Amino acid sequence: MGAAGARRTRSRALGPLRVGGLDGLVDPLLEALDVTPLGFVAIFVSVFAGAFVQGSIGFGLNLVAAPVIVVFAPDAVPAASIILALPMTLGSALRERTHIDHAAVAWTTLGRLPGVLLGAWLVSRLAPEALSLMIGGIVVLAVVMSAVSISISIDRRSQAAAGFLGGLMGTTSSVGGPPMALLYQHEPGPTVRSTLGATFMVGIACSLLALGVVGEVSAFHWRFGATMVPAVLLGLFASRFAHARLDAGWLRPCVLAFSALAGIGVVARGLFST
């Protein structure tokens, strides 16, 4: 059975989703996205939750959503999970745009470009398991260093380095937030969220371009990402109600916790995929 046949089999595994008179709309949608009804609901909820987390602390959309997408629609990762982050990052950047650190965006982008290129090359050359172990290990090490108060000053070199690592991680695993989030963990909440949003928006464009060059992006990925836009927007809207509490002293602990979770999750993906 070919890849297309396997996808059709998965999408029909639980039978068609009956929602009143919408069968004619729902069934083609599920088949086009290569998901079962249960898978669609699980992915939609995970994207909403991930958007809420990222809208609150500046990153985390694919930390929450990517593992669920891998289970129910493995063909969609990493391209579709990167695509659905486009409206998320744009919304985050625009919502608190007066707090964007424009110099950081510039230097991070400069560092991100070689990281994206290296990431695209690694995706086309190395086994996913090896990539997961390498990337996850780097993130866990960075979290440990931050937790024991080994701080890194925010300057051009650290911004470029964070951009490089973010580009590498985002392209290989769709989880590229921890490097910049760890660098900015001591900054005010609006600065963290808006600067990361603007940085990620540029980074996503670079990652998609690089993945497209190596043949890892298709119309299927764009359909998948576009279908999840409502979940992203709902999560982004809901996150505004968490800002006051997080900005009162909970932002850094949340950044460290979710960064550690990201690293451990990526390592686990590599270990259990072998």
Foldseek 3Di string as FASTA:
>chain_A
DDPLVVLQCQQCVVHFDDDPPCSVPRSVLSSLLSFHPVLVVQLLQQQLVQLLLCLQQPGRNCLRRVVSCCVTPVLLPPLLLLLLCQVSLVVLQVVLVVLAPVLLLVLLLVLQLVLLLVLLVCQVPDDLLVLLQVLLVVLLVLLVCVVVPVADADDSVLSSVLSSSLNNCCLSGVGRPLSLSSNCLPPARSHSNNNSSSNSNSSSVSSNVSNVVVPSDDVSSVSSSVVSNVSSVNSSVVNVVNHVVCRVPVNNVSSSVSSNSSSVVSNVVSVVVD
